[in-house]
Amino acid sequence: MRLLVVLSIAACSSAPGAAAIDAAGDASPDGTTAPTLVAHYTMEALAAAAPQVTDATMHGHDGTCMTCPIVAPGKHALGYQFDGTDIIHIAGTGALRTPTGFTVAAWFNYAAPHVGCFVNKSVGSADANSWQACVQSNSVVTFYSNKATGGDSLATGAVSVDVWHHVALRWDGAMKSIYLDGVLAASIGVSDTSFDDGDVTIGADVDFGAISAPFKGVLDDVEIYDGALAPADIAVLATP
């Protein structure tokens, strides 16, 4: 069990072994105010009826799936196994629009080299892929963002298949960074990220209603924060 300063009610609702950080108003290791965990998908079970996927923070960002993954062994107890046809939709409204900063984190274990976007703030009415975490055919992991006026991307080094890795996408309003297994892999100065009404999707990207870049592998502990976590906090999340 990994603990960080304060465990809120939302964090306590996580599965055993998960290290969700929910310390709104509390100090991070670097002395700044920690962001709030606004959505957390522990992926321990799937409900029989919609919504099938529960947001463990109790903020109500539950997910639905027409074609659902299956529950399989995960990084922390259980996870969701995606076969390339499964996708979870979470309405991308309210607190999931974080235009001043965010951290998106997940554990992933992918089956073979392929192009698969496993957690995304998908394109909606304003043509804004606010953030995406994707594996590529050359086995690198990318943090991609797009808006009507252009996009930017960051990449890690190549990662191994059939191995659990942790990825975190971080933007503090001035700098975008991608962390792999708790270590900074790349960063770039970016002062603006656009958000629209597109869903958050897990298991594949969606562009203007069309599914693209489906992921094949297992995911666990997908987390979305409303600000940039301190690097020390990201290292805690990535601790096995």
C-alpha atoms as a PDB file:
ATOM      1  CA  MET A   1       0.000   0.000   0.000  1.00  0.00           C
ATOM      2  CA  ARG A   2       1.357   3.412  -0.973  1.00  0.00           C
ATOM      3  CA  LEU A   3       0.235   6.521   0.910  1.00  0.00           C
ATOM      4  CA  LEU A   4       0.700  10.202   0.103  1.00  0.00           C
ATOM      5  CA  VAL A   5       0.162  12.806   2.858  1.00  0.00           C
ATOM      6  CA  VAL A   6      -3.658  12.690   2.921  1.00  0.00           C
ATOM      7  CA  LEU A   7      -6.075  10.025   1.746  1.00  0.00           C
ATOM      8  CA  SER A   8      -9.466  11.556   1.008  1.00  0.00           C
ATOM      9  CA  ILE A   9     -12.760   9.662   0.887  1.00  0.00           C
ATOM     10  CA  ALA A  10     -12.385   9.409  -2.903  1.00  0.00           C
ATOM     11  CA  ALA A  11      -8.931   7.924  -2.638  1.00  0.00           C
ATOM     12  CA  CYS A  12     -10.113   5.421  -0.056  1.00  0.00           C
ATOM     13  CA  SER A  13     -12.686   4.162  -2.539  1.00  0.00           C
ATOM     14  CA  SER A  14      -9.855   2.903  -4.772  1.00  0.00           C
ATOM     15  CA  ALA A  15      -8.942  -0.717  -5.037  1.00  0.00           C
ATOM     16  CA  PRO A  16      -6.330  -2.085  -2.648  1.00  0.00           C
ATOM     17  CA  GLY A  17      -2.847  -1.336  -3.955  1.00  0.00           C
ATOM     18  CA  ALA A  18      -3.882   1.662  -6.049  1.00  0.00           C
ATOM     19  CA  ALA A  19      -2.139   4.937  -5.278  1.00  0.00           C
ATOM     20  CA  ALA A  20      -4.661   7.561  -6.319  1.00  0.00           C
ATOM     21  CA  ILE A  21      -3.759  10.999  -5.003  1.00  0.00           C
ATOM     22  CA  ASP A  22      -6.647  13.225  -3.996  1.00  0.00           C
ATOM     23  CA  ALA A  23      -5.342  16.042  -1.835  1.00  0.00           C
ATOM     24  CA  ALA A  24      -7.211  19.163  -2.893  1.00  0.00           C
ATOM     25  CA  GLY A  25      -5.916  22.052  -0.835  1.00  0.00           C
ATOM     26  CA  ASP A  26      -3.146  19.988   0.735  1.00  0.00           C
ATOM     27  CA  ALA A  27       0.561  20.451   0.132  1.00  0.00           C
ATOM     28  CA  SER A  28       2.426  18.371  -2.439  1.00  0.00           C
ATOM     29  CA  PRO A  29       6.005  17.273  -1.733  1.00  0.00           C
ATOM     30  CA  ASP A  30       7.255  20.406  -3.540  1.00  0.00           C
ATOM     31  CA  GLY A  31       5.227  22.679  -1.242  1.00  0.00           C
ATOM     32  CA  THR A  32       2.569  23.686  -3.768  1.00  0.00           C
ATOM     33  CA  THR A  33      -1.169  23.018  -3.561  1.00  0.00           C
ATOM     34  CA  ALA A  34      -2.010  19.622  -4.983  1.00  0.00           C
ATOM     35  CA  PRO A  35      -4.584  19.231  -7.779  1.00  0.00           C
ATOM     36  CA  THR A  36      -7.829  17.357  -7.215  1.00  0.00           C
ATOM     37  CA  LEU A  37      -8.410  13.852  -8.531  1.00  0.00           C
ATOM     38  CA  VAL A  38     -11.576  14.433 -10.557  1.00  0.00           C
ATOM     39  CA  ALA A  39     -11.984  10.944 -12.052  1.00  0.00           C
ATOM     40  CA  HIS A  40     -10.485   7.549 -11.260  1.00  0.00           C
ATOM     41  CA  TYR A  41     -11.238   4.250 -12.960  1.00  0.00           C
ATOM     42  CA  THR A  42      -9.916   1.383 -10.828  1.00  0.00           C
ATOM     43  CA  MET A  43     -11.220  -1.186 -13.349  1.00  0.00           C
ATOM     44  CA  GLU A  44     -12.041  -3.833 -10.784  1.00  0.00           C
ATOM     45  CA  ALA A  45     -15.456  -4.706 -12.216  1.00  0.00           C
ATOM     46  CA  LEU A  46     -17.979  -3.959 -14.965  1.00  0.00           C
ATOM     47  CA  ALA A  47     -21.643  -3.438 -14.179  1.00  0.00           C
ATOM     48  CA  ALA A  48     -24.232  -5.416 -16.130  1.00  0.00           C
ATOM     49  CA  ALA A  49     -26.198  -2.293 -17.076  1.00  0.00           C
ATOM     50  CA  ALA A  50     -25.221   1.255 -17.981  1.00  0.00           C
ATOM     51  CA  PRO A  51     -23.217   2.943 -16.641  1.00  0.00           C
ATOM     52  CA  GLN A  52     -20.942  -0.074 -16.649  1.00  0.00           C
ATOM     53  CA  VAL A  53     -17.776   1.736 -15.498  1.00  0.00           C
ATOM     54  CA  THR A  54     -17.696   3.527 -12.138  1.00  0.00           C
ATOM     55  CA  ASP A  55     -15.755   6.671 -11.296  1.00  0.00           C
ATOM     56  CA  ALA A  56     -14.235   5.751  -7.923  1.00  0.00           C
ATOM     57  CA  THR A  57     -14.006   9.404  -6.823  1.00  0.00           C
ATOM     58  CA  MET A  58     -17.815   9.524  -6.570  1.00  0.00           C
ATOM     59  CA  HIS A  59     -17.776  12.695  -8.707  1.00  0.00           C
ATOM     60  CA  GLY A  60     -20.137  10.983 -11.120  1.00  0.00           C
ATOM     61  CA  HIS A  61     -17.926  10.691 -14.211  1.00  0.00           C
ATOM     62  CA  ASP A  62     -19.109   7.148 -14.860  1.00  0.00           C
ATOM     63  CA  GLY A  63     -18.558   5.475 -18.229  1.00  0.00           C
ATOM     64  CA  THR A  64     -20.635   3.481 -20.681  1.00  0.00           C
ATOM     65  CA  CYS A  65     -19.660   1.019 -23.382  1.00  0.00           C
ATOM     66  CA  MET A  66     -21.617  -0.528 -26.237  1.00  0.00           C
ATOM     67  CA  THR A  67     -18.758  -2.969 -26.750  1.00  0.00           C
ATOM     68  CA  CYS A  68     -17.121  -3.470 -23.374  1.00  0.00           C
ATOM     69  CA  PRO A  69     -13.708  -4.827 -22.423  1.00  0.00           C
ATOM     70  CA  ILE A  70     -13.435  -7.830 -20.154  1.00  0.00           C
ATOM     71  CA  VAL A  71     -12.125  -7.890 -16.598  1.00  0.00           C
ATOM     72  CA  ALA A  72      -8.671  -9.467 -16.479  1.00  0.00           C
ATOM     73  CA  PRO A  73      -5.607  -9.527 -14.208  1.00  0.00           C
ATOM     74  CA  GLY A  74      -4.366  -5.947 -13.861  1.00  0.00           C
ATOM     75  CA  LYS A  75      -1.483  -4.060 -12.337  1.00  0.00           C
ATOM     76  CA  HIS A  76      -3.386  -3.671  -9.062  1.00  0.00           C
ATOM     77  CA  ALA A  77      -5.661  -6.696  -8.678  1.00  0.00           C
ATOM     78  CA  LEU A  78      -7.874  -6.489 -11.795  1.00  0.00           C
ATOM     79  CA  GLY A  79      -7.917  -4.372 -14.946  1.00  0.00           C
ATOM     80  CA  TYR A  80      -9.729  -4.112 -18.280  1.00  0.00           C
ATOM     81  CA  GLN A  81      -8.551  -6.065 -21.311  1.00  0.00           C
ATOM     82  CA  PHE A  82      -9.265  -4.367 -24.660  1.00  0.00           C
ATOM     83  CA  ASP A  83      -9.280  -6.378 -27.898  1.00  0.00           C
ATOM     84  CA  GLY A  84      -9.348  -3.533 -30.444  1.00  0.00           C
ATOM     85  CA  THR A  85     -13.138  -3.275 -30.627  1.00  0.00           C
ATOM     86  CA  ASP A  86     -13.871  -2.134 -27.060  1.00  0.00           C
ATOM     87  CA  ILE A  87     -14.343   1.500 -26.070  1.00  0.00           C
ATOM     88  CA  ILE A  88     -15.578   3.309 -22.960  1.00  0.00           C
ATOM     89  CA  HIS A  89     -17.213   6.745 -23.240  1.00  0.00           C
ATOM     90  CA  ILE A  90     -17.293   9.307 -20.419  1.00  0.00           C
ATOM     91  CA  ALA A  91     -19.127  12.574 -21.049  1.00  0.00           C
ATOM     92  CA  GLY A  92     -16.419  15.228 -21.360  1.00  0.00           C
ATOM     93  CA  THR A  93     -18.209  17.971 -19.500  1.00  0.00           C
ATOM     94  CA  GLY A  94     -17.663  20.081 -16.400  1.00  0.00           C
ATOM     95  CA  ALA A  95     -14.690  19.085 -14.297  1.00  0.00           C
ATOM     96  CA  LEU A  96     -13.184  16.956 -17.087  1.00  0.00           C
ATOM     97  CA  ARG A  97     -12.483  20.159 -19.004  1.00  0.00           C
ATOM     98  CA  THR A  98      -9.319  21.442 -17.343  1.00  0.00           C
ATOM     99  CA  PRO A  99      -8.100  24.419 -19.426  1.00  0.00           C
ATOM    100  CA  THR A 100      -5.507  25.659 -16.916  1.00  0.00           C
ATOM    101  CA  GLY A 101      -3.686  22.389 -16.281  1.00  0.00           C
ATOM    102  CA  PHE A 102      -4.091  18.634 -15.916  1.00  0.00           C
ATOM    103  CA  THR A 103      -2.451  15.304 -15.220  1.00  0.00           C
ATOM    104  CA  VAL A 104      -3.720  12.123 -16.855  1.00  0.00           C
ATOM    105  CA  ALA A 105      -2.186   8.869 -15.658  1.00  0.00           C
ATOM    106  CA  ALA A 106      -2.663   5.166 -16.368  1.00  0.00           C
ATOM    107  CA  TRP A 107      -1.047   1.758 -16.166  1.00  0.00           C
ATOM    108  CA  PHE A 108      -0.927  -0.065 -19.508  1.00  0.00           C
ATOM    109  CA  ASN A 109       0.268  -3.421 -20.824  1.00  0.00           C
ATOM    110  CA  TYR A 110      -0.050  -3.771 -24.573  1.00  0.00           C
ATOM    111  CA  ALA A 111      -0.170  -6.991 -26.512  1.00  0.00           C
ATOM    112  CA  ALA A 112       1.957  -6.205 -29.601  1.00  0.00           C
ATOM    113  CA  PRO A 113       3.299  -3.144 -31.436  1.00  0.00           C
ATOM    114  CA  HIS A 114       0.393  -1.219 -32.947  1.00  0.00           C
ATOM    115  CA  VAL A 115      -1.125   2.267 -33.052  1.00  0.00           C
ATOM    116  CA  GLY A 116      -3.518   2.430 -30.134  1.00  0.00           C
ATOM    117  CA  CYS A 117      -4.776   5.443 -28.185  1.00  0.00           C
ATOM    118  CA  PHE A 118      -5.825   4.177 -24.799  1.00  0.00           C
ATOM    119  CA  VAL A 119      -7.072   7.295 -22.964  1.00  0.00           C
ATOM    120  CA  ASN A 120      -8.185  10.446 -24.767  1.00  0.00           C
ATOM    121  CA  LYS A 121     -10.082  13.720 -24.543  1.00  0.00           C
ATOM    122  CA  SER A 122     -11.531  13.251 -27.993  1.00  0.00           C
ATOM    123  CA  VAL A 123     -12.415  15.703 -30.731  1.00  0.00           C
ATOM    124  CA  GLY A 124     -15.787  17.434 -30.391  1.00  0.00           C
ATOM    125  CA  SER A 125     -17.379  20.588 -31.749  1.00  0.00           C
ATOM    126  CA  ALA A 126     -14.210  22.720 -31.495  1.00  0.00           C
ATOM    127  CA  ASP A 127     -11.812  20.230 -33.147  1.00  0.00           C
ATOM    128  CA  ALA A 128      -9.812  19.821 -29.943  1.00  0.00           C
ATOM    129  CA  ASN A 129      -8.016  16.604 -29.037  1.00  0.00           C
ATOM    130  CA  SER A 130      -7.019  18.152 -25.723  1.00  0.00           C
ATOM    131  CA  TRP A 131      -4.860  15.199 -24.695  1.00  0.00           C
ATOM    132  CA  GLN A 132      -4.212  11.643 -25.805  1.00  0.00           C
ATOM    133  CA  ALA A 133      -2.008   8.816 -24.550  1.00  0.00           C
ATOM    134  CA  CYS A 134      -1.133   6.460 -27.394  1.00  0.00           C
ATOM    135  CA  VAL A 135       1.246   3.633 -28.197  1.00  0.00           C
ATOM    136  CA  GLN A 136       2.764   3.681 -31.682  1.00  0.00           C
ATOM    137  CA  SER A 137       3.851   0.980 -34.111  1.00  0.00           C
ATOM    138  CA  ASN A 138       7.497   1.623 -33.148  1.00  0.00           C
ATOM    139  CA  SER A 139       6.602   0.954 -29.477  1.00  0.00           C
ATOM    140  CA  VAL A 140       6.997   4.532 -28.256  1.00  0.00           C
ATOM    141  CA  VAL A 141       4.303   6.198 -26.145  1.00  0.00           C
ATOM    142  CA  THR A 142       3.050   9.629 -27.203  1.00  0.00           C
ATOM    143  CA  PHE A 143       1.300  12.564 -25.551  1.00  0.00           C
ATOM    144  CA  TYR A 144      -0.595  14.224 -28.388  1.00  0.00           C
ATOM    145  CA  SER A 145      -2.733  17.366 -28.356  1.00  0.00           C
ATOM    146  CA  ASN A 146      -4.562  19.102 -31.165  1.00  0.00           C
ATOM    147  CA  LYS A 147      -6.671  22.217 -31.641  1.00  0.00           C
ATOM    148  CA  ALA A 148      -8.066  23.958 -34.713  1.00  0.00           C
ATOM    149  CA  THR A 149      -4.858  25.990 -35.124  1.00  0.00           C
ATOM    150  CA  GLY A 150      -2.449  23.056 -34.861  1.00  0.00           C
ATOM    151  CA  GLY A 151      -1.055  20.390 -32.567  1.00  0.00           C
ATOM    152  CA  ASP A 152       1.947  19.178 -30.629  1.00  0.00           C
ATOM    153  CA  SER A 153       3.266  15.828 -29.502  1.00  0.00           C
ATOM    154  CA  LEU A 154       5.797  14.303 -27.134  1.00  0.00           C
ATOM    155  CA  ALA A 155       7.240  10.788 -27.227  1.00  0.00           C
ATOM    156  CA  THR A 156       9.005   8.419 -24.865  1.00  0.00           C
ATOM    157  CA  GLY A 157      11.584   5.829 -25.797  1.00  0.00           C
ATOM    158  CA  ALA A 158      10.397   2.417 -26.962  1.00  0.00           C
ATOM    159  CA  VAL A 159       8.672   0.256 -24.359  1.00  0.00           C
ATOM    160  CA  SER A 160       8.402  -3.515 -24.085  1.00  0.00           C
ATOM    161  CA  VAL A 161       5.263  -5.484 -24.909  1.00  0.00           C
ATOM    162  CA  ASP A 162       3.598  -7.711 -22.321  1.00  0.00           C
ATOM    163  CA  VAL A 163       5.082  -5.562 -19.538  1.00  0.00           C
ATOM    164  CA  TRP A 164       3.269  -3.131 -17.242  1.00  0.00           C
ATOM    165  CA  HIS A 165       4.240   0.523 -17.698  1.00  0.00           C
ATOM    166  CA  HIS A 166       2.940   3.704 -16.122  1.00  0.00           C
ATOM    167  CA  VAL A 167       2.407   6.849 -18.189  1.00  0.00           C
ATOM    168  CA  ALA A 168       1.491  10.343 -17.013  1.00  0.00           C
ATOM    169  CA  LEU A 169       0.589  13.299 -19.242  1.00  0.00           C
ATOM    170  CA  ARG A 170       1.176  16.612 -17.450  1.00  0.00           C
ATOM    171  CA  TRP A 171       0.448  20.229 -18.393  1.00  0.00           C
ATOM    172  CA  ASP A 172       0.914  23.124 -15.969  1.00  0.00           C
ATOM    173  CA  GLY A 173      -0.337  25.905 -18.253  1.00  0.00           C
ATOM    174  CA  ALA A 174       3.120  26.559 -19.672  1.00  0.00           C
ATOM    175  CA  MET A 175       4.872  23.223 -20.159  1.00  0.00           C
ATOM    176  CA  LYS A 176       3.659  19.831 -21.368  1.00  0.00           C
ATOM    177  CA  SER A 177       5.512  16.748 -20.175  1.00  0.00           C
ATOM    178  CA  ILE A 178       5.224  12.992 -20.546  1.00  0.00           C
ATOM    179  CA  TYR A 179       6.466  10.684 -17.794  1.00  0.00           C
ATOM    180  CA  LEU A 180       7.141   6.999 -18.317  1.00  0.00           C
ATOM    181  CA  ASP A 181       7.375   4.772 -15.252  1.00  0.00           C
ATOM    182  CA  GLY A 182       7.668   7.859 -13.052  1.00  0.00           C
ATOM    183  CA  VAL A 183      10.551   9.430 -14.989  1.00  0.00           C
ATOM    184  CA  LEU A 184      10.351  12.526 -17.189  1.00  0.00           C
ATOM    185  CA  ALA A 185      10.711  11.385 -20.817  1.00  0.00           C
ATOM    186  CA  ALA A 186      10.096  14.608 -22.770  1.00  0.00           C
ATOM    187  CA  SER A 187       8.690  18.123 -22.380  1.00  0.00           C
ATOM    188  CA  ILE A 188       7.827  21.138 -24.519  1.00  0.00           C
ATOM    189  CA  GLY A 189       6.653  24.680 -23.857  1.00  0.00           C
ATOM    190  CA  VAL A 190       2.937  25.021 -24.653  1.00  0.00           C
ATOM    191  CA  SER A 191       0.868  27.901 -23.273  1.00  0.00           C
ATOM    192  CA  ASP A 192      -2.587  26.958 -24.570  1.00  0.00           C
ATOM    193  CA  THR A 193      -4.666  23.787 -24.759  1.00  0.00           C
ATOM    194  CA  SER A 194      -8.201  23.808 -26.156  1.00  0.00           C
ATOM    195  CA  PHE A 195     -11.148  21.882 -24.740  1.00  0.00           C
ATOM    196  CA  ASP A 196     -14.493  21.141 -26.347  1.00  0.00           C
ATOM    197  CA  ASP A 197     -17.506  18.916 -25.641  1.00  0.00           C
ATOM    198  CA  GLY A 198     -15.877  15.694 -26.869  1.00  0.00           C
ATOM    199  CA  ASP A 199     -16.072  12.641 -24.617  1.00  0.00           C
ATOM    200  CA  VAL A 200     -13.226  11.201 -22.665  1.00  0.00           C
ATOM    201  CA  THR A 201     -12.658   7.769 -24.182  1.00  0.00           C
ATOM    202  CA  ILE A 202     -10.783   4.746 -22.896  1.00  0.00           C
ATOM    203  CA  GLY A 203      -9.718   2.010 -25.303  1.00  0.00           C
ATOM    204  CA  ALA A 204      -9.731   4.013 -28.545  1.00  0.00           C
ATOM    205  CA  ASP A 205      -9.777   7.533 -29.941  1.00  0.00           C
ATOM    206  CA  VAL A 206     -12.888   9.126 -31.440  1.00  0.00           C
ATOM    207  CA  ASP A 207     -12.636  11.883 -34.042  1.00  0.00           C
ATOM    208  CA  PHE A 208     -15.907  13.529 -35.085  1.00  0.00           C
ATOM    209  CA  GLY A 209     -17.814  10.398 -34.100  1.00  0.00           C
ATOM    210  CA  ALA A 210     -15.501   7.927 -35.854  1.00  0.00           C
ATOM    211  CA  ILE A 211     -13.504   5.426 -33.810  1.00  0.00           C
ATOM    212  CA  SER A 212      -9.779   5.339 -34.578  1.00  0.00           C
ATOM    213  CA  ALA A 213      -6.531   3.929 -33.145  1.00  0.00           C
ATOM    214  CA  PRO A 214      -8.090   1.131 -31.026  1.00  0.00           C
ATOM    215  CA  PHE A 215      -5.921  -0.200 -28.218  1.00  0.00           C
ATOM    216  CA  LYS A 216      -5.120  -3.881 -27.715  1.00  0.00           C
ATOM    217  CA  GLY A 217      -3.955  -4.765 -24.240  1.00  0.00           C
ATOM    218  CA  VAL A 218      -4.805  -4.267 -20.573  1.00  0.00           C
ATOM    219  CA  LEU A 219      -5.350  -0.977 -18.735  1.00  0.00           C
ATOM    220  CA  ASP A 220      -5.580  -0.228 -15.030  1.00  0.00           C
ATOM    221  CA  ASP A 221      -6.018   2.781 -12.729  1.00  0.00           C
ATOM    222  CA  VAL A 222      -6.838   5.556 -15.189  1.00  0.00           C
ATOM    223  CA  GLU A 223      -6.754   8.885 -13.300  1.00  0.00           C
ATOM    224  CA  ILE A 224      -7.549  12.461 -14.294  1.00  0.00           C
ATOM    225  CA  TYR A 225      -6.490  15.442 -12.162  1.00  0.00           C
ATOM    226  CA  ASP A 226      -7.522  19.071 -12.594  1.00  0.00           C
ATOM    227  CA  GLY A 227      -3.949  20.367 -12.433  1.00  0.00           C
ATOM    228  CA  ALA A 228      -0.303  19.446 -12.819  1.00  0.00           C
ATOM    229  CA  LEU A 229       0.884  16.962 -10.209  1.00  0.00           C
ATOM    230  CA  ALA A 230       4.330  17.484  -8.748  1.00  0.00           C
ATOM    231  CA  PRO A 231       6.942  15.144 -10.247  1.00  0.00           C
ATOM    232  CA  ALA A 232       7.301  13.478  -6.839  1.00  0.00           C
ATOM    233  CA  ASP A 233       3.579  12.691  -6.854  1.00  0.00           C
ATOM    234  CA  ILE A 234       3.831  11.172 -10.337  1.00  0.00           C
ATOM    235  CA  ALA A 235       6.682   9.002  -9.077  1.00  0.00           C
ATOM    236  CA  VAL A 236       4.380   7.757  -6.287  1.00  0.00           C
ATOM    237  CA  LEU A 237       1.692   6.811  -8.807  1.00  0.00           C
ATOM    238  CA  ALA A 238       4.253   4.896 -10.854  1.00  0.00           C
ATOM    239  CA  THR A 239       5.586   2.906  -7.912  1.00  0.00           C
ATOM    240  CA  PRO A 240       4.792  -0.795  -8.488  1.00  0.00           C
END
